[in-house]
Amino acid sequence: MYDLTGFQRDLLYVTAGLHEPHGLAIKDELDDYYEKDIQHGRLYPNLDTLVDKGLLEKGEADRRTNVYAVTRRGRREIEARRDWETTYIEELLSS
């Protein structure tokens, strides 16, 4: 996960947290988080990058809607990142 941008990492986390995430649902979550409108030209190429890296799978809900799912590798990467973060902030969180 070290080679992902912060935005790509956020995309992966949001996708992991949504039930049957599709592009617009992911976009809505990130719009709220970033407090600004995420452009489609930024969203979809970054989702495709995560698919290309094997962290997400992309499927079709219908002819116009793609759905995304975190792969086994993606889950492992999220867990490894979480463990790494915890080593640095554990003391802060336990205070």
N, C-alpha and C. Protein backbone atom coordinates (compact mmCIF):
# COMPACT_ATOMS: atom_id res chain seq x y z
N MET A 1 0.82 -1.19 0.00
CA MET A 1 0.00 0.00 0.00
C MET A 1 0.87 1.26 0.00
N TYR A 2 2.14 1.09 0.25
CA TYR A 2 3.06 2.21 0.29
C TYR A 2 3.11 2.98 -1.02
N ASP A 3 2.74 2.33 -2.12
CA ASP A 3 2.82 2.99 -3.42
C ASP A 3 1.52 3.65 -3.84
N LEU A 4 0.55 3.71 -2.95
CA LEU A 4 -0.72 4.38 -3.24
C LEU A 4 -0.66 5.84 -2.79
N THR A 5 -1.40 6.68 -3.48
CA THR A 5 -1.57 8.04 -2.99
C THR A 5 -2.54 8.02 -1.82
N GLY A 6 -2.60 9.09 -1.07
CA GLY A 6 -3.56 9.19 0.02
C GLY A 6 -4.99 9.06 -0.50
N PHE A 7 -5.26 9.66 -1.66
CA PHE A 7 -6.59 9.57 -2.25
C PHE A 7 -6.94 8.13 -2.61
N GLN A 8 -6.00 7.40 -3.18
CA GLN A 8 -6.25 6.00 -3.52
C GLN A 8 -6.48 5.18 -2.26
N ARG A 9 -5.74 5.46 -1.21
CA ARG A 9 -5.93 4.75 0.06
C ARG A 9 -7.33 5.04 0.60
N ASP A 10 -7.76 6.29 0.52
CA ASP A 10 -9.11 6.65 0.96
C ASP A 10 -10.17 5.93 0.13
N LEU A 11 -9.94 5.83 -1.17
CA LEU A 11 -10.87 5.09 -2.04
C LEU A 11 -10.98 3.63 -1.59
N LEU A 12 -9.86 3.02 -1.30
CA LEU A 12 -9.85 1.63 -0.87
C LEU A 12 -10.61 1.47 0.44
N TYR A 13 -10.35 2.35 1.40
CA TYR A 13 -11.02 2.28 2.71
C TYR A 13 -12.53 2.48 2.56
N VAL A 14 -12.93 3.47 1.78
CA VAL A 14 -14.37 3.73 1.60
C VAL A 14 -15.04 2.55 0.91
N THR A 15 -14.39 2.01 -0.10
CA THR A 15 -14.96 0.85 -0.79
C THR A 15 -15.13 -0.32 0.16
N ALA A 16 -14.18 -0.51 1.05
CA ALA A 16 -14.26 -1.60 2.02
C ALA A 16 -15.42 -1.40 2.99
N GLY A 17 -15.78 -0.15 3.25
CA GLY A 17 -16.81 0.13 4.23
C GLY A 17 -18.22 0.23 3.71
N LEU A 18 -18.40 0.19 2.41
CA LEU A 18 -19.73 0.31 1.82
C LEU A 18 -20.27 -1.06 1.39
N HIS A 19 -21.57 -1.23 1.49
CA HIS A 19 -22.23 -2.44 1.00
C HIS A 19 -22.51 -2.25 -0.49
N GLU A 20 -21.96 -3.12 -1.32
CA GLU A 20 -22.09 -3.04 -2.78
C GLU A 20 -21.76 -1.64 -3.30
N PRO A 21 -20.54 -1.20 -3.07
CA PRO A 21 -20.17 0.16 -3.48
C PRO A 21 -20.12 0.31 -5.00
N HIS A 22 -20.69 1.40 -5.45
CA HIS A 22 -20.60 1.77 -6.86
C HIS A 22 -20.00 3.16 -6.92
N GLY A 23 -19.61 3.58 -8.10
CA GLY A 23 -18.87 4.82 -8.26
C GLY A 23 -19.48 6.02 -7.57
N LEU A 24 -20.79 6.25 -7.77
CA LEU A 24 -21.40 7.44 -7.19
C LEU A 24 -21.52 7.36 -5.67
N ALA A 25 -21.71 6.17 -5.13
CA ALA A 25 -21.75 6.03 -3.66
C ALA A 25 -20.37 6.32 -3.06
N ILE A 26 -19.33 5.83 -3.73
CA ILE A 26 -17.97 6.11 -3.28
C ILE A 26 -17.70 7.61 -3.38
N LYS A 27 -18.10 8.20 -4.49
CA LYS A 27 -17.91 9.64 -4.71
C LYS A 27 -18.62 10.44 -3.62
N ASP A 28 -19.85 10.09 -3.30
CA ASP A 28 -20.61 10.81 -2.27
C ASP A 28 -19.90 10.77 -0.92
N GLU A 29 -19.37 9.61 -0.56
CA GLU A 29 -18.64 9.49 0.71
C GLU A 29 -17.40 10.39 0.71
N LEU A 30 -16.67 10.38 -0.39
CA LEU A 30 -15.46 11.20 -0.45
C LEU A 30 -15.77 12.68 -0.56
N ASP A 31 -16.87 13.04 -1.24
CA ASP A 31 -17.31 14.44 -1.27
C ASP A 31 -17.52 14.95 0.16
N ASP A 32 -18.17 14.12 0.97
CA ASP A 32 -18.43 14.50 2.37
C ASP A 32 -17.12 14.61 3.16
N TYR A 33 -16.25 13.63 2.99
CA TYR A 33 -15.00 13.61 3.74
C TYR A 33 -14.10 14.79 3.38
N TYR A 34 -13.93 15.03 2.08
CA TYR A 34 -13.04 16.09 1.62
C TYR A 34 -13.72 17.46 1.63
N GLU A 35 -15.03 17.47 1.87
CA GLU A 35 -15.84 18.70 1.89
C GLU A 35 -15.72 19.48 0.59
N LYS A 36 -15.65 18.73 -0.51
CA LYS A 36 -15.67 19.33 -1.84
C LYS A 36 -16.07 18.27 -2.85
N ASP A 37 -16.44 18.72 -4.03
CA ASP A 37 -16.89 17.82 -5.08
C ASP A 37 -15.70 17.12 -5.72
N ILE A 38 -15.68 15.80 -5.66
CA ILE A 38 -14.65 15.01 -6.32
C ILE A 38 -15.08 14.83 -7.78
N GLN A 39 -14.22 15.21 -8.68
CA GLN A 39 -14.54 15.13 -10.10
C GLN A 39 -14.45 13.68 -10.59
N HIS A 40 -15.31 13.34 -11.52
CA HIS A 40 -15.31 11.99 -12.11
C HIS A 40 -13.95 11.68 -12.74
N GLY A 41 -13.31 12.70 -13.33
CA GLY A 41 -12.02 12.52 -13.96
C GLY A 41 -10.90 12.18 -12.97
N ARG A 42 -11.15 12.40 -11.70
CA ARG A 42 -10.20 12.00 -10.67
C ARG A 42 -10.60 10.65 -10.07
N LEU A 43 -11.88 10.47 -9.88
CA LEU A 43 -12.40 9.28 -9.21
C LEU A 43 -12.14 8.00 -10.01
N TYR A 44 -12.64 7.96 -11.22
CA TYR A 44 -12.63 6.70 -11.96
C TYR A 44 -11.24 6.22 -12.39
N PRO A 45 -10.35 7.11 -12.80
CA PRO A 45 -8.99 6.62 -13.10
C PRO A 45 -8.30 6.04 -11.86
N ASN A 46 -8.55 6.62 -10.69
CA ASN A 46 -7.95 6.10 -9.47
C ASN A 46 -8.58 4.77 -9.06
N LEU A 47 -9.88 4.61 -9.27
CA LEU A 47 -10.50 3.31 -9.02
C LEU A 47 -9.90 2.27 -9.96
N ASP A 48 -9.71 2.65 -11.23
CA ASP A 48 -9.11 1.72 -12.20
C ASP A 48 -7.69 1.34 -11.79
N THR A 49 -6.94 2.28 -11.23
CA THR A 49 -5.59 1.97 -10.75
C THR A 49 -5.64 0.92 -9.65
N LEU A 50 -6.61 1.05 -8.74
CA LEU A 50 -6.74 0.06 -7.66
C LEU A 50 -7.14 -1.31 -8.20
N VAL A 51 -7.94 -1.32 -9.25
CA VAL A 51 -8.29 -2.58 -9.92
C VAL A 51 -7.03 -3.17 -10.57
N ASP A 52 -6.28 -2.34 -11.28
CA ASP A 52 -5.06 -2.80 -11.94
C ASP A 52 -4.03 -3.35 -10.95
N LYS A 53 -3.98 -2.80 -9.75
CA LYS A 53 -3.05 -3.25 -8.72
C LYS A 53 -3.56 -4.49 -7.98
N GLY A 54 -4.77 -4.93 -8.31
CA GLY A 54 -5.32 -6.13 -7.69
C GLY A 54 -5.91 -5.91 -6.30
N LEU A 55 -6.18 -4.66 -5.95
CA LEU A 55 -6.74 -4.34 -4.64
C LEU A 55 -8.26 -4.29 -4.67
N LEU A 56 -8.82 -4.00 -5.83
CA LEU A 56 -10.28 -3.99 -6.03
C LEU A 56 -10.63 -4.85 -7.23
N GLU A 57 -11.84 -5.38 -7.20
CA GLU A 57 -12.43 -6.02 -8.37
C GLU A 57 -13.54 -5.12 -8.86
N LYS A 58 -13.73 -5.10 -10.16
CA LYS A 58 -14.75 -4.26 -10.78
C LYS A 58 -15.75 -5.16 -11.50
N GLY A 59 -17.02 -4.94 -11.22
CA GLY A 59 -18.07 -5.69 -11.89
C GLY A 59 -19.15 -4.74 -12.35
N GLU A 60 -20.18 -5.28 -12.97
CA GLU A 60 -21.28 -4.46 -13.48
C GLU A 60 -22.56 -4.78 -12.74
N ALA A 61 -23.21 -3.76 -12.22
CA ALA A 61 -24.54 -3.92 -11.64
C ALA A 61 -25.57 -3.88 -12.78
N ASP A 62 -25.32 -3.00 -13.74
CA ASP A 62 -26.12 -2.91 -14.96
C ASP A 62 -25.22 -2.26 -16.02
N ARG A 63 -25.78 -1.93 -17.15
CA ARG A 63 -24.95 -1.42 -18.25
C ARG A 63 -24.31 -0.08 -17.95
N ARG A 64 -24.83 0.64 -16.96
CA ARG A 64 -24.30 1.97 -16.66
C ARG A 64 -23.57 2.05 -15.32
N THR A 65 -23.69 1.02 -14.49
CA THR A 65 -23.19 1.11 -13.13
C THR A 65 -22.16 0.02 -12.84
N ASN A 66 -20.97 0.45 -12.48
CA ASN A 66 -19.94 -0.48 -12.04
C ASN A 66 -19.99 -0.61 -10.53
N VAL A 67 -19.76 -1.81 -10.06
CA VAL A 67 -19.65 -2.05 -8.62
C VAL A 67 -18.24 -2.52 -8.33
N TYR A 68 -17.79 -2.24 -7.13
CA TYR A 68 -16.42 -2.55 -6.74
C TYR A 68 -16.42 -3.39 -5.48
N ALA A 69 -15.44 -4.24 -5.36
CA ALA A 69 -15.28 -5.06 -4.16
C ALA A 69 -13.80 -5.15 -3.84
N VAL A 70 -13.51 -5.13 -2.56
CA VAL A 70 -12.12 -5.26 -2.12
C VAL A 70 -11.71 -6.71 -2.28
N THR A 71 -10.56 -6.94 -2.87
CA THR A 71 -10.04 -8.30 -3.06
C THR A 71 -9.41 -8.80 -1.76
N ARG A 72 -9.08 -10.06 -1.76
CA ARG A 72 -8.37 -10.64 -0.61
C ARG A 72 -7.06 -9.89 -0.38
N ARG A 73 -6.36 -9.61 -1.48
CA ARG A 73 -5.11 -8.84 -1.36
C ARG A 73 -5.38 -7.45 -0.80
N GLY A 74 -6.46 -6.83 -1.25
CA GLY A 74 -6.82 -5.51 -0.73
C GLY A 74 -7.08 -5.54 0.76
N ARG A 75 -7.78 -6.58 1.24
CA ARG A 75 -8.03 -6.71 2.68
C ARG A 75 -6.73 -6.89 3.44
N ARG A 76 -5.83 -7.71 2.90
CA ARG A 76 -4.52 -7.89 3.56
C ARG A 76 -3.75 -6.58 3.63
N GLU A 77 -3.80 -5.80 2.56
CA GLU A 77 -3.11 -4.52 2.54
C GLU A 77 -3.70 -3.54 3.56
N ILE A 78 -5.03 -3.53 3.68
CA ILE A 78 -5.68 -2.68 4.67
C ILE A 78 -5.27 -3.10 6.07
N GLU A 79 -5.28 -4.40 6.33
CA GLU A 79 -4.89 -4.90 7.66
C GLU A 79 -3.44 -4.56 7.97
N ALA A 80 -2.56 -4.72 7.00
CA ALA A 80 -1.14 -4.42 7.21
C ALA A 80 -0.95 -2.93 7.48
N ARG A 81 -1.66 -2.10 6.76
CA ARG A 81 -1.57 -0.65 6.97
C ARG A 81 -2.07 -0.29 8.36
N ARG A 82 -3.17 -0.91 8.75
CA ARG A 82 -3.74 -0.64 10.08
C ARG A 82 -2.77 -1.05 11.17
N ASP A 83 -2.13 -2.18 11.04
CA ASP A 83 -1.13 -2.63 12.01
C ASP A 83 0.04 -1.65 12.06
N TRP A 84 0.51 -1.21 10.90
CA TRP A 84 1.62 -0.28 10.83
C TRP A 84 1.25 1.04 11.52
N GLU A 85 0.06 1.57 11.22
CA GLU A 85 -0.38 2.81 11.85
C GLU A 85 -0.46 2.67 13.37
N THR A 86 -0.97 1.54 13.84
CA THR A 86 -1.15 1.30 15.26
C THR A 86 0.18 1.34 16.01
N THR A 87 1.25 0.87 15.36
CA THR A 87 2.55 0.89 16.04
C THR A 87 2.99 2.31 16.38
N TYR A 88 2.50 3.28 15.63
CA TYR A 88 2.90 4.66 15.84
C TYR A 88 1.92 5.48 16.67
N ILE A 89 0.66 5.08 16.69
CA ILE A 89 -0.33 5.90 17.39
C ILE A 89 -0.98 5.20 18.58
N GLU A 90 -0.58 3.99 18.87
CA GLU A 90 -1.20 3.22 19.94
C GLU A 90 -1.18 3.97 21.27
N GLU A 91 -0.03 4.53 21.62
CA GLU A 91 0.09 5.25 22.87
C GLU A 91 -0.83 6.47 22.90
N LEU A 92 -0.90 7.17 21.80
CA LEU A 92 -1.77 8.33 21.70
C LEU A 92 -3.23 7.96 21.90
N LEU A 93 -3.65 6.84 21.30
CA LEU A 93 -5.04 6.42 21.39
C LEU A 93 -5.40 5.86 22.77
N SER A 94 -4.43 5.35 23.49
CA SER A 94 -4.72 4.78 24.81
C SER A 94 -4.72 5.83 25.91
N SER A 95 -4.35 7.06 25.60
CA SER A 95 -4.33 8.13 26.60
C SER A 95 -5.71 8.63 26.93
